[in-house]
mmCIF file of all heavy atoms, coordinates in Angstrom:
data_MODEL
# 
_entry.id   MODEL 
# 
loop_
_atom_site.group_PDB 
_atom_site.id 
_atom_site.type_symbol 
_atom_site.label_atom_id 
_atom_site.label_alt_id 
_atom_site.label_comp_id 
_atom_site.label_asym_id 
_atom_site.label_entity_id 
_atom_site.label_seq_id 
_atom_site.pdbx_PDB_ins_code 
_atom_site.Cartn_x 
_atom_site.Cartn_y 
_atom_site.Cartn_z 
_atom_site.occupancy 
_atom_site.B_iso_or_equiv 
_atom_site.pdbx_formal_charge 
_atom_site.auth_seq_id 
_atom_site.auth_comp_id 
_atom_site.auth_asym_id 
_atom_site.auth_atom_id 
_atom_site.pdbx_PDB_model_num 
ATOM 1   N N   . THR A 1 1  ? -2.428  8.285   -2.989  1.00 0.00 ? 1  THR A N   1 
ATOM 2   C CA  . THR A 1 1  ? -1.466  7.600   -2.129  1.00 0.00 ? 1  THR A CA  1 
ATOM 3   C C   . THR A 1 1  ? -0.839  6.415   -2.852  1.00 0.00 ? 1  THR A C   1 
ATOM 4   O O   . THR A 1 1  ? 0.361   6.144   -2.709  1.00 0.00 ? 1  THR A O   1 
ATOM 5   C CB  . THR A 1 1  ? -2.157  7.125   -0.837  1.00 0.00 ? 1  THR A CB  1 
ATOM 6   O OG1 . THR A 1 1  ? -2.888  8.215   -0.274  1.00 0.00 ? 1  THR A OG1 1 
ATOM 7   C CG2 . THR A 1 1  ? -1.149  6.631   0.169   1.00 0.00 ? 1  THR A CG2 1 
ATOM 8   N N   . LEU A 1 2  ? -1.636  5.700   -3.633  1.00 0.00 ? 2  LEU A N   1 
ATOM 9   C CA  . LEU A 1 2  ? -1.094  4.583   -4.415  1.00 0.00 ? 2  LEU A CA  1 
ATOM 10  C C   . LEU A 1 2  ? -0.048  5.052   -5.411  1.00 0.00 ? 2  LEU A C   1 
ATOM 11  O O   . LEU A 1 2  ? 0.966   4.391   -5.613  1.00 0.00 ? 2  LEU A O   1 
ATOM 12  C CB  . LEU A 1 2  ? -2.216  3.842   -5.143  1.00 0.00 ? 2  LEU A CB  1 
ATOM 13  C CG  . LEU A 1 2  ? -3.018  2.842   -4.326  1.00 0.00 ? 2  LEU A CG  1 
ATOM 14  C CD1 . LEU A 1 2  ? -4.167  2.284   -5.151  1.00 0.00 ? 2  LEU A CD1 1 
ATOM 15  C CD2 . LEU A 1 2  ? -2.135  1.722   -3.822  1.00 0.00 ? 2  LEU A CD2 1 
ATOM 16  N N   . SER A 1 3  ? -0.292  6.186   -6.048  1.00 0.00 ? 3  SER A N   1 
ATOM 17  C CA  . SER A 1 3  ? 0.703   6.692   -7.004  1.00 0.00 ? 3  SER A CA  1 
ATOM 18  C C   . SER A 1 3  ? 1.998   7.071   -6.290  1.00 0.00 ? 3  SER A C   1 
ATOM 19  O O   . SER A 1 3  ? 3.088   6.851   -6.813  1.00 0.00 ? 3  SER A O   1 
ATOM 20  C CB  . SER A 1 3  ? 0.142   7.880   -7.789  1.00 0.00 ? 3  SER A CB  1 
ATOM 21  O OG  . SER A 1 3  ? -0.122  8.965   -6.923  1.00 0.00 ? 3  SER A OG  1 
ATOM 22  N N   . LEU A 1 4  ? 1.911   7.632   -5.078  1.00 0.00 ? 4  LEU A N   1 
ATOM 23  C CA  . LEU A 1 4  ? 3.122   7.924   -4.300  1.00 0.00 ? 4  LEU A CA  1 
ATOM 24  C C   . LEU A 1 4  ? 3.856   6.636   -3.923  1.00 0.00 ? 4  LEU A C   1 
ATOM 25  O O   . LEU A 1 4  ? 5.090   6.589   -3.933  1.00 0.00 ? 4  LEU A O   1 
ATOM 26  C CB  . LEU A 1 4  ? 2.760   8.704   -3.033  1.00 0.00 ? 4  LEU A CB  1 
ATOM 27  C CG  . LEU A 1 4  ? 2.294   10.139  -3.222  1.00 0.00 ? 4  LEU A CG  1 
ATOM 28  C CD1 . LEU A 1 4  ? 1.815   10.720  -1.896  1.00 0.00 ? 4  LEU A CD1 1 
ATOM 29  C CD2 . LEU A 1 4  ? 3.416   10.987  -3.788  1.00 0.00 ? 4  LEU A CD2 1 
ATOM 30  N N   . ILE A 1 5  ? 3.106   5.601   -3.599  1.00 0.00 ? 5  ILE A N   1 
ATOM 31  C CA  . ILE A 1 5  ? 3.726   4.323   -3.211  1.00 0.00 ? 5  ILE A CA  1 
ATOM 32  C C   . ILE A 1 5  ? 4.479   3.716   -4.387  1.00 0.00 ? 5  ILE A C   1 
ATOM 33  O O   . ILE A 1 5  ? 5.622   3.286   -4.251  1.00 0.00 ? 5  ILE A O   1 
ATOM 34  C CB  . ILE A 1 5  ? 2.651   3.356   -2.678  1.00 0.00 ? 5  ILE A CB  1 
ATOM 35  C CG1 . ILE A 1 5  ? 2.170   3.817   -1.309  1.00 0.00 ? 5  ILE A CG1 1 
ATOM 36  C CG2 . ILE A 1 5  ? 3.164   1.930   -2.614  1.00 0.00 ? 5  ILE A CG2 1 
ATOM 37  C CD1 . ILE A 1 5  ? 0.956   3.081   -0.793  1.00 0.00 ? 5  ILE A CD1 1 
ATOM 38  N N   . PHE A 1 6  ? 3.839   3.694   -5.551  1.00 0.00 ? 6  PHE A N   1 
ATOM 39  C CA  . PHE A 1 6  ? 4.463   3.048   -6.709  1.00 0.00 ? 6  PHE A CA  1 
ATOM 40  C C   . PHE A 1 6  ? 5.596   3.885   -7.294  1.00 0.00 ? 6  PHE A C   1 
ATOM 41  O O   . PHE A 1 6  ? 6.576   3.335   -7.789  1.00 0.00 ? 6  PHE A O   1 
ATOM 42  C CB  . PHE A 1 6  ? 3.417   2.735   -7.784  1.00 0.00 ? 6  PHE A CB  1 
ATOM 43  C CG  . PHE A 1 6  ? 2.529   1.578   -7.418  1.00 0.00 ? 6  PHE A CG  1 
ATOM 44  C CD1 . PHE A 1 6  ? 1.170   1.754   -7.281  1.00 0.00 ? 6  PHE A CD1 1 
ATOM 45  C CD2 . PHE A 1 6  ? 3.051   0.321   -7.194  1.00 0.00 ? 6  PHE A CD2 1 
ATOM 46  C CE1 . PHE A 1 6  ? 0.349   0.698   -6.941  1.00 0.00 ? 6  PHE A CE1 1 
ATOM 47  C CE2 . PHE A 1 6  ? 2.248   -0.743  -6.849  1.00 0.00 ? 6  PHE A CE2 1 
ATOM 48  C CZ  . PHE A 1 6  ? 0.887   -0.560  -6.721  1.00 0.00 ? 6  PHE A CZ  1 
ATOM 49  N N   . GLN A 1 7  ? 5.484   5.207   -7.264  1.00 0.00 ? 7  GLN A N   1 
ATOM 50  C CA  . GLN A 1 7  ? 6.548   6.043   -7.802  1.00 0.00 ? 7  GLN A CA  1 
ATOM 51  C C   . GLN A 1 7  ? 7.713   6.189   -6.833  1.00 0.00 ? 7  GLN A C   1 
ATOM 52  O O   . GLN A 1 7  ? 8.850   6.365   -7.247  1.00 0.00 ? 7  GLN A O   1 
ATOM 53  C CB  . GLN A 1 7  ? 5.992   7.429   -8.154  1.00 0.00 ? 7  GLN A CB  1 
ATOM 54  C CG  . GLN A 1 7  ? 5.058   7.407   -9.341  1.00 0.00 ? 7  GLN A CG  1 
ATOM 55  C CD  . GLN A 1 7  ? 4.386   8.753   -9.578  1.00 0.00 ? 7  GLN A CD  1 
ATOM 56  O OE1 . GLN A 1 7  ? 4.583   9.698   -8.824  1.00 0.00 ? 7  GLN A OE1 1 
ATOM 57  N NE2 . GLN A 1 7  ? 3.578   8.816   -10.635 1.00 0.00 ? 7  GLN A NE2 1 
ATOM 58  N N   . GLY A 1 8  ? 7.432   6.112   -5.529  1.00 0.00 ? 8  GLY A N   1 
ATOM 59  C CA  . GLY A 1 8  ? 8.477   6.302   -4.525  1.00 0.00 ? 8  GLY A CA  1 
ATOM 60  C C   . GLY A 1 8  ? 9.179   5.031   -4.103  1.00 0.00 ? 8  GLY A C   1 
ATOM 61  O O   . GLY A 1 8  ? 10.049  5.069   -3.226  1.00 0.00 ? 8  GLY A O   1 
ATOM 62  N N   . GLY A 1 9  ? 8.793   3.889   -4.682  1.00 0.00 ? 9  GLY A N   1 
ATOM 63  C CA  . GLY A 1 9  ? 9.432   2.624   -4.320  1.00 0.00 ? 9  GLY A CA  1 
ATOM 64  C C   . GLY A 1 9  ? 9.073   2.142   -2.920  1.00 0.00 ? 9  GLY A C   1 
ATOM 65  O O   . GLY A 1 9  ? 9.893   1.540   -2.238  1.00 0.00 ? 9  GLY A O   1 
ATOM 66  N N   . LEU A 1 10 ? 7.863   2.419   -2.504  1.00 0.00 ? 10 LEU A N   1 
ATOM 67  C CA  . LEU A 1 10 ? 7.427   2.046   -1.157  1.00 0.00 ? 10 LEU A CA  1 
ATOM 68  C C   . LEU A 1 10 ? 6.546   0.795   -1.157  1.00 0.00 ? 10 LEU A C   1 
ATOM 69  O O   . LEU A 1 10 ? 5.771   0.591   -0.224  1.00 0.00 ? 10 LEU A O   1 
ATOM 70  C CB  . LEU A 1 10 ? 6.658   3.213   -0.519  1.00 0.00 ? 10 LEU A CB  1 
ATOM 71  C CG  . LEU A 1 10 ? 7.414   4.536   -0.397  1.00 0.00 ? 10 LEU A CG  1 
ATOM 72  C CD1 . LEU A 1 10 ? 6.486   5.655   0.033   1.00 0.00 ? 10 LEU A CD1 1 
ATOM 73  C CD2 . LEU A 1 10 ? 8.552   4.378   0.585   1.00 0.00 ? 10 LEU A CD2 1 
ATOM 74  N N   . GLN A 1 11 ? 6.690   -0.031  -2.171  1.00 0.00 ? 11 GLN A N   1 
ATOM 75  C CA  . GLN A 1 11 ? 5.836   -1.209  -2.280  1.00 0.00 ? 11 GLN A CA  1 
ATOM 76  C C   . GLN A 1 11 ? 6.027   -2.164  -1.108  1.00 0.00 ? 11 GLN A C   1 
ATOM 77  O O   . GLN A 1 11 ? 5.061   -2.749  -0.608  1.00 0.00 ? 11 GLN A O   1 
ATOM 78  C CB  . GLN A 1 11 ? 6.095   -1.970  -3.598  1.00 0.00 ? 11 GLN A CB  1 
ATOM 79  C CG  . GLN A 1 11 ? 5.653   -1.233  -4.815  1.00 0.00 ? 11 GLN A CG  1 
ATOM 80  C CD  . GLN A 1 11 ? 6.783   -0.462  -5.477  1.00 0.00 ? 11 GLN A CD  1 
ATOM 81  O OE1 . GLN A 1 11 ? 7.776   -0.140  -4.845  1.00 0.00 ? 11 GLN A OE1 1 
ATOM 82  N NE2 . GLN A 1 11 ? 6.618   -0.157  -6.742  1.00 0.00 ? 11 GLN A NE2 1 
ATOM 83  N N   . GLU A 1 12 ? 7.257   -2.346  -0.659  1.00 0.00 ? 12 GLU A N   1 
ATOM 84  C CA  . GLU A 1 12 ? 7.543   -3.274  0.439   1.00 0.00 ? 12 GLU A CA  1 
ATOM 85  C C   . GLU A 1 12 ? 6.855   -2.817  1.727   1.00 0.00 ? 12 GLU A C   1 
ATOM 86  O O   . GLU A 1 12 ? 6.273   -3.626  2.452   1.00 0.00 ? 12 GLU A O   1 
ATOM 87  C CB  . GLU A 1 12 ? 9.052   -3.406  0.664   1.00 0.00 ? 12 GLU A CB  1 
ATOM 88  C CG  . GLU A 1 12 ? 9.858   -3.774  -0.563  1.00 0.00 ? 12 GLU A CG  1 
ATOM 89  C CD  . GLU A 1 12 ? 9.494   -5.127  -1.130  1.00 0.00 ? 12 GLU A CD  1 
ATOM 90  O OE1 . GLU A 1 12 ? 9.114   -6.009  -0.348  1.00 0.00 ? 12 GLU A OE1 1 
ATOM 91  O OE2 . GLU A 1 12 ? 9.576   -5.298  -2.347  1.00 0.00 ? 12 GLU A OE2 1 
ATOM 92  N N   . LYS A 1 13 ? 6.933   -1.521  2.009   1.00 0.00 ? 13 LYS A N   1 
ATOM 93  C CA  . LYS A 1 13 ? 6.294   -0.991  3.222   1.00 0.00 ? 13 LYS A CA  1 
ATOM 94  C C   . LYS A 1 13 ? 4.772   -1.070  3.122   1.00 0.00 ? 13 LYS A C   1 
ATOM 95  O O   . LYS A 1 13 ? 4.084   -1.351  4.108   1.00 0.00 ? 13 LYS A O   1 
ATOM 96  C CB  . LYS A 1 13 ? 6.750   0.443   3.474   1.00 0.00 ? 13 LYS A CB  1 
ATOM 97  C CG  . LYS A 1 13 ? 8.202   0.536   3.859   1.00 0.00 ? 13 LYS A CG  1 
ATOM 98  C CD  . LYS A 1 13 ? 8.615   1.954   4.149   1.00 0.00 ? 13 LYS A CD  1 
ATOM 99  C CE  . LYS A 1 13 ? 10.093  1.967   4.521   1.00 0.00 ? 13 LYS A CE  1 
ATOM 100 N NZ  . LYS A 1 13 ? 10.582  3.303   4.810   1.00 0.00 ? 13 LYS A NZ  1 
ATOM 101 N N   . PHE A 1 14 ? 4.258   -0.827  1.926   1.00 0.00 ? 14 PHE A N   1 
ATOM 102 C CA  . PHE A 1 14 ? 2.811   -0.943  1.711   1.00 0.00 ? 14 PHE A CA  1 
ATOM 103 C C   . PHE A 1 14 ? 2.349   -2.378  1.945   1.00 0.00 ? 14 PHE A C   1 
ATOM 104 O O   . PHE A 1 14 ? 1.333   -2.615  2.606   1.00 0.00 ? 14 PHE A O   1 
ATOM 105 C CB  . PHE A 1 14 ? 2.463   -0.482  0.291   1.00 0.00 ? 14 PHE A CB  1 
ATOM 106 C CG  . PHE A 1 14 ? 1.041   -0.760  -0.106  1.00 0.00 ? 14 PHE A CG  1 
ATOM 107 C CD1 . PHE A 1 14 ? -0.010  -0.140  0.538   1.00 0.00 ? 14 PHE A CD1 1 
ATOM 108 C CD2 . PHE A 1 14 ? 0.758   -1.641  -1.128  1.00 0.00 ? 14 PHE A CD2 1 
ATOM 109 C CE1 . PHE A 1 14 ? -1.324  -0.397  0.168   1.00 0.00 ? 14 PHE A CE1 1 
ATOM 110 C CE2 . PHE A 1 14 ? -0.541  -1.912  -1.501  1.00 0.00 ? 14 PHE A CE2 1 
ATOM 111 C CZ  . PHE A 1 14 ? -1.587  -1.285  -0.853  1.00 0.00 ? 14 PHE A CZ  1 
ATOM 112 N N   . LEU A 1 15 ? 3.103   -3.343  1.439   1.00 0.00 ? 15 LEU A N   1 
ATOM 113 C CA  . LEU A 1 15 ? 2.745   -4.749  1.645   1.00 0.00 ? 15 LEU A CA  1 
ATOM 114 C C   . LEU A 1 15 ? 2.858   -5.153  3.108   1.00 0.00 ? 15 LEU A C   1 
ATOM 115 O O   . LEU A 1 15 ? 2.031   -5.927  3.610   1.00 0.00 ? 15 LEU A O   1 
ATOM 116 C CB  . LEU A 1 15 ? 3.624   -5.659  0.790   1.00 0.00 ? 15 LEU A CB  1 
ATOM 117 C CG  . LEU A 1 15 ? 3.198   -5.820  -0.653  1.00 0.00 ? 15 LEU A CG  1 
ATOM 118 C CD1 . LEU A 1 15 ? 4.195   -6.670  -1.400  1.00 0.00 ? 15 LEU A CD1 1 
ATOM 119 C CD2 . LEU A 1 15 ? 1.825   -6.415  -0.750  1.00 0.00 ? 15 LEU A CD2 1 
ATOM 120 N N   . ALA A 1 16 ? 3.873   -4.637  3.806   1.00 0.00 ? 16 ALA A N   1 
ATOM 121 C CA  . ALA A 1 16 ? 4.016   -4.949  5.232   1.00 0.00 ? 16 ALA A CA  1 
ATOM 122 C C   . ALA A 1 16 ? 2.819   -4.415  6.017   1.00 0.00 ? 16 ALA A C   1 
ATOM 123 O O   . ALA A 1 16 ? 2.294   -5.092  6.906   1.00 0.00 ? 16 ALA A O   1 
ATOM 124 C CB  . ALA A 1 16 ? 5.316   -4.367  5.766   1.00 0.00 ? 16 ALA A CB  1 
ATOM 125 N N   . LEU A 1 17 ? 2.369   -3.221  5.677   1.00 0.00 ? 17 LEU A N   1 
ATOM 126 C CA  . LEU A 1 17 ? 1.193   -2.652  6.334   1.00 0.00 ? 17 LEU A CA  1 
ATOM 127 C C   . LEU A 1 17 ? -0.074  -3.409  5.958   1.00 0.00 ? 17 LEU A C   1 
ATOM 128 O O   . LEU A 1 17 ? -0.916  -3.696  6.807   1.00 0.00 ? 17 LEU A O   1 
ATOM 129 C CB  . LEU A 1 17 ? 1.056   -1.169  5.965   1.00 0.00 ? 17 LEU A CB  1 
ATOM 130 C CG  . LEU A 1 17 ? -0.168  -0.432  6.517   1.00 0.00 ? 17 LEU A CG  1 
ATOM 131 C CD1 . LEU A 1 17 ? -0.113  -0.415  8.042   1.00 0.00 ? 17 LEU A CD1 1 
ATOM 132 C CD2 . LEU A 1 17 ? -0.225  0.979   5.958   1.00 0.00 ? 17 LEU A CD2 1 
ATOM 133 N N   . ALA A 1 18 ? -0.189  -3.762  4.696   1.00 0.00 ? 18 ALA A N   1 
ATOM 134 C CA  . ALA A 1 18 ? -1.387  -4.478  4.228   1.00 0.00 ? 18 ALA A CA  1 
ATOM 135 C C   . ALA A 1 18 ? -1.492  -5.861  4.853   1.00 0.00 ? 18 ALA A C   1 
ATOM 136 O O   . ALA A 1 18 ? -2.605  -6.338  5.110   1.00 0.00 ? 18 ALA A O   1 
ATOM 137 C CB  . ALA A 1 18 ? -1.367  -4.589  2.713   1.00 0.00 ? 18 ALA A CB  1 
ATOM 138 N N   . ARG A 1 19 ? -0.390  -6.507  5.126   1.00 0.00 ? 19 ARG A N   1 
ATOM 139 C CA  . ARG A 1 19 ? -0.412  -7.844  5.749   1.00 0.00 ? 19 ARG A CA  1 
ATOM 140 C C   . ARG A 1 19 ? -0.936  -7.798  7.171   1.00 0.00 ? 19 ARG A C   1 
ATOM 141 O O   . ARG A 1 19 ? -1.432  -8.795  7.687   1.00 0.00 ? 19 ARG A O   1 
ATOM 142 C CB  . ARG A 1 19 ? 0.974   -8.459  5.734   1.00 0.00 ? 19 ARG A CB  1 
ATOM 143 C CG  . ARG A 1 19 ? 1.412   -8.873  4.346   1.00 0.00 ? 19 ARG A CG  1 
ATOM 144 C CD  . ARG A 1 19 ? 2.706   -9.563  4.400   1.00 0.00 ? 19 ARG A CD  1 
ATOM 145 N NE  . ARG A 1 19 ? 2.447   -10.932 4.872   1.00 0.00 ? 19 ARG A NE  1 
ATOM 146 C CZ  . ARG A 1 19 ? 3.218   -11.957 4.586   1.00 0.00 ? 19 ARG A CZ  1 
ATOM 147 N NH1 . ARG A 1 19 ? 4.291   -11.773 3.867   1.00 0.00 ? 19 ARG A NH1 1 
ATOM 148 N NH2 . ARG A 1 19 ? 2.937   -13.151 5.036   1.00 0.00 ? 19 ARG A NH2 1 
ATOM 149 N N   . LEU A 1 20 ? -0.818  -6.649  7.825   1.00 0.00 ? 20 LEU A N   1 
ATOM 150 C CA  . LEU A 1 20 ? -1.311  -6.514  9.187   1.00 0.00 ? 20 LEU A CA  1 
ATOM 151 C C   . LEU A 1 20 ? -2.821  -6.280  9.238   1.00 0.00 ? 20 LEU A C   1 
ATOM 152 O O   . LEU A 1 20 ? -3.415  -6.360  10.311  1.00 0.00 ? 20 LEU A O   1 
ATOM 153 C CB  . LEU A 1 20 ? -0.589  -5.360  9.897   1.00 0.00 ? 20 LEU A CB  1 
ATOM 154 C CG  . LEU A 1 20 ? 0.926   -5.510  10.046  1.00 0.00 ? 20 LEU A CG  1 
ATOM 155 C CD1 . LEU A 1 20 ? 1.521   -4.238  10.621  1.00 0.00 ? 20 LEU A CD1 1 
ATOM 156 C CD2 . LEU A 1 20 ? 1.243   -6.702  10.917  1.00 0.00 ? 20 LEU A CD2 1 
ATOM 157 N N   . CYS A 1 21 ? -3.427  -6.007  8.096   1.00 0.00 ? 21 CYS A N   1 
ATOM 158 C CA  . CYS A 1 21 ? -4.857  -5.699  8.052   1.00 0.00 ? 21 CYS A CA  1 
ATOM 159 C C   . CYS A 1 21 ? -5.653  -6.901  7.572   1.00 0.00 ? 21 CYS A C   1 
ATOM 160 O O   . CYS A 1 21 ? -5.165  -7.716  6.798   1.00 0.00 ? 21 CYS A O   1 
ATOM 161 C CB  . CYS A 1 21 ? -5.103  -4.522  7.101   1.00 0.00 ? 21 CYS A CB  1 
ATOM 162 S SG  . CYS A 1 21 ? -4.209  -3.045  7.573   1.00 0.00 ? 21 CYS A SG  1 
ATOM 163 N N   . ARG A 1 22 ? -6.894  -6.966  8.026   1.00 0.00 ? 22 ARG A N   1 
ATOM 164 C CA  . ARG A 1 22 ? -7.767  -8.056  7.586   1.00 0.00 ? 22 ARG A CA  1 
ATOM 165 C C   . ARG A 1 22 ? -8.329  -7.771  6.204   1.00 0.00 ? 22 ARG A C   1 
ATOM 166 O O   . ARG A 1 22 ? -8.650  -8.688  5.461   1.00 0.00 ? 22 ARG A O   1 
ATOM 167 C CB  . ARG A 1 22 ? -8.910  -8.251  8.577   1.00 0.00 ? 22 ARG A CB  1 
ATOM 168 C CG  . ARG A 1 22 ? -8.416  -8.813  9.904   1.00 0.00 ? 22 ARG A CG  1 
ATOM 169 C CD  . ARG A 1 22 ? -9.529  -9.160  10.820  1.00 0.00 ? 22 ARG A CD  1 
ATOM 170 N NE  . ARG A 1 22 ? -10.243 -10.298 10.275  1.00 0.00 ? 22 ARG A NE  1 
ATOM 171 C CZ  . ARG A 1 22 ? -11.390 -10.726 10.755  1.00 0.00 ? 22 ARG A CZ  1 
ATOM 172 N NH1 . ARG A 1 22 ? -11.950 -10.112 11.762  1.00 0.00 ? 22 ARG A NH1 1 
ATOM 173 N NH2 . ARG A 1 22 ? -11.982 -11.769 10.214  1.00 0.00 ? 22 ARG A NH2 1 
ATOM 174 N N   . SER A 1 23 ? -8.485  -6.497  5.857   1.00 0.00 ? 23 SER A N   1 
ATOM 175 C CA  . SER A 1 23 ? -8.964  -6.140  4.520   1.00 0.00 ? 23 SER A CA  1 
ATOM 176 C C   . SER A 1 23 ? -8.315  -4.839  4.083   1.00 0.00 ? 23 SER A C   1 
ATOM 177 O O   . SER A 1 23 ? -7.982  -3.986  4.897   1.00 0.00 ? 23 SER A O   1 
ATOM 178 C CB  . SER A 1 23 ? -10.490 -6.006  4.509   1.00 0.00 ? 23 SER A CB  1 
ATOM 179 O OG  . SER A 1 23 ? -10.890 -4.969  5.377   1.00 0.00 ? 23 SER A OG  1 
ATOM 180 N N   . VAL A 1 24 ? -8.126  -4.735  2.774   1.00 0.00 ? 24 VAL A N   1 
ATOM 181 C CA  . VAL A 1 24 ? -7.536  -3.535  2.180   1.00 0.00 ? 24 VAL A CA  1 
ATOM 182 C C   . VAL A 1 24 ? -8.486  -3.056  1.096   1.00 0.00 ? 24 VAL A C   1 
ATOM 183 O O   . VAL A 1 24 ? -8.874  -3.829  0.225   1.00 0.00 ? 24 VAL A O   1 
ATOM 184 C CB  . VAL A 1 24 ? -6.142  -3.834  1.583   1.00 0.00 ? 24 VAL A CB  1 
ATOM 185 C CG1 . VAL A 1 24 ? -5.563  -2.599  0.917   1.00 0.00 ? 24 VAL A CG1 1 
ATOM 186 C CG2 . VAL A 1 24 ? -5.208  -4.353  2.650   1.00 0.00 ? 24 VAL A CG2 1 
ATOM 187 N N   . LEU A 1 25 ? -8.850  -1.802  1.147   1.00 0.00 ? 25 LEU A N   1 
ATOM 188 C CA  . LEU A 1 25 ? -9.783  -1.222  0.187   1.00 0.00 ? 25 LEU A CA  1 
ATOM 189 C C   . LEU A 1 25 ? -9.086  -0.088  -0.550  1.00 0.00 ? 25 LEU A C   1 
ATOM 190 O O   . LEU A 1 25 ? -8.599  0.857   0.064   1.00 0.00 ? 25 LEU A O   1 
ATOM 191 C CB  . LEU A 1 25 ? -11.032 -0.702  0.914   1.00 0.00 ? 25 LEU A CB  1 
ATOM 192 C CG  . LEU A 1 25 ? -12.098 -0.053  0.063   1.00 0.00 ? 25 LEU A CG  1 
ATOM 193 C CD1 . LEU A 1 25 ? -12.742 -1.096  -0.829  1.00 0.00 ? 25 LEU A CD1 1 
ATOM 194 C CD2 . LEU A 1 25 ? -13.130 0.607   0.929   1.00 0.00 ? 25 LEU A CD2 1 
ATOM 195 N N   . CYS A 1 26 ? -9.015  -0.200  -1.873  1.00 0.00 ? 26 CYS A N   1 
ATOM 196 C CA  . CYS A 1 26 ? -8.440  0.853   -2.698  1.00 0.00 ? 26 CYS A CA  1 
ATOM 197 C C   . CYS A 1 26 ? -9.584  1.623   -3.335  1.00 0.00 ? 26 CYS A C   1 
ATOM 198 O O   . CYS A 1 26 ? -10.358 1.057   -4.102  1.00 0.00 ? 26 CYS A O   1 
ATOM 199 C CB  . CYS A 1 26 ? -7.537  0.259   -3.777  1.00 0.00 ? 26 CYS A CB  1 
ATOM 200 S SG  . CYS A 1 26 ? -6.157  -0.679  -3.121  1.00 0.00 ? 26 CYS A SG  1 
ATOM 201 N N   . CYS A 1 27 ? -9.678  2.897   -3.030  1.00 0.00 ? 27 CYS A N   1 
ATOM 202 C CA  . CYS A 1 27 ? -10.762 3.710   -3.592  1.00 0.00 ? 27 CYS A CA  1 
ATOM 203 C C   . CYS A 1 27 ? -10.174 4.876   -4.383  1.00 0.00 ? 27 CYS A C   1 
ATOM 204 O O   . CYS A 1 27 ? -9.029  5.273   -4.185  1.00 0.00 ? 27 CYS A O   1 
ATOM 205 C CB  . CYS A 1 27 ? -11.676 4.219   -2.485  1.00 0.00 ? 27 CYS A CB  1 
ATOM 206 S SG  . CYS A 1 27 ? -10.855 5.257   -1.276  1.00 0.00 ? 27 CYS A SG  1 
ATOM 207 N N   . ARG A 1 28 ? -10.962 5.373   -5.289  1.00 0.00 ? 28 ARG A N   1 
ATOM 208 C CA  . ARG A 1 28 ? -10.558 6.504   -6.132  1.00 0.00 ? 28 ARG A CA  1 
ATOM 209 C C   . ARG A 1 28 ? -9.225  6.242   -6.825  1.00 0.00 ? 28 ARG A C   1 
ATOM 210 O O   . ARG A 1 28 ? -8.345  7.101   -6.870  1.00 0.00 ? 28 ARG A O   1 
ATOM 211 C CB  . ARG A 1 28 ? -10.479 7.793   -5.324  1.00 0.00 ? 28 ARG A CB  1 
ATOM 212 C CG  . ARG A 1 28 ? -11.725 8.181   -4.605  1.00 0.00 ? 28 ARG A CG  1 
ATOM 213 C CD  . ARG A 1 28 ? -12.733 8.744   -5.557  1.00 0.00 ? 28 ARG A CD  1 
ATOM 214 N NE  . ARG A 1 28 ? -13.925 9.157   -4.829  1.00 0.00 ? 28 ARG A NE  1 
ATOM 215 C CZ  . ARG A 1 28 ? -15.139 9.041   -5.317  1.00 0.00 ? 28 ARG A CZ  1 
ATOM 216 N NH1 . ARG A 1 28 ? -15.307 8.524   -6.511  1.00 0.00 ? 28 ARG A NH1 1 
ATOM 217 N NH2 . ARG A 1 28 ? -16.160 9.433   -4.620  1.00 0.00 ? 28 ARG A NH2 1 
# 
């Protein structure tokens, strides 16, 4: 999913979603 975010230019949406969460865990 991270590779799709970085290749698809979805960084802004990822950050907007991450700001709504108390913690973000990147696995695998």
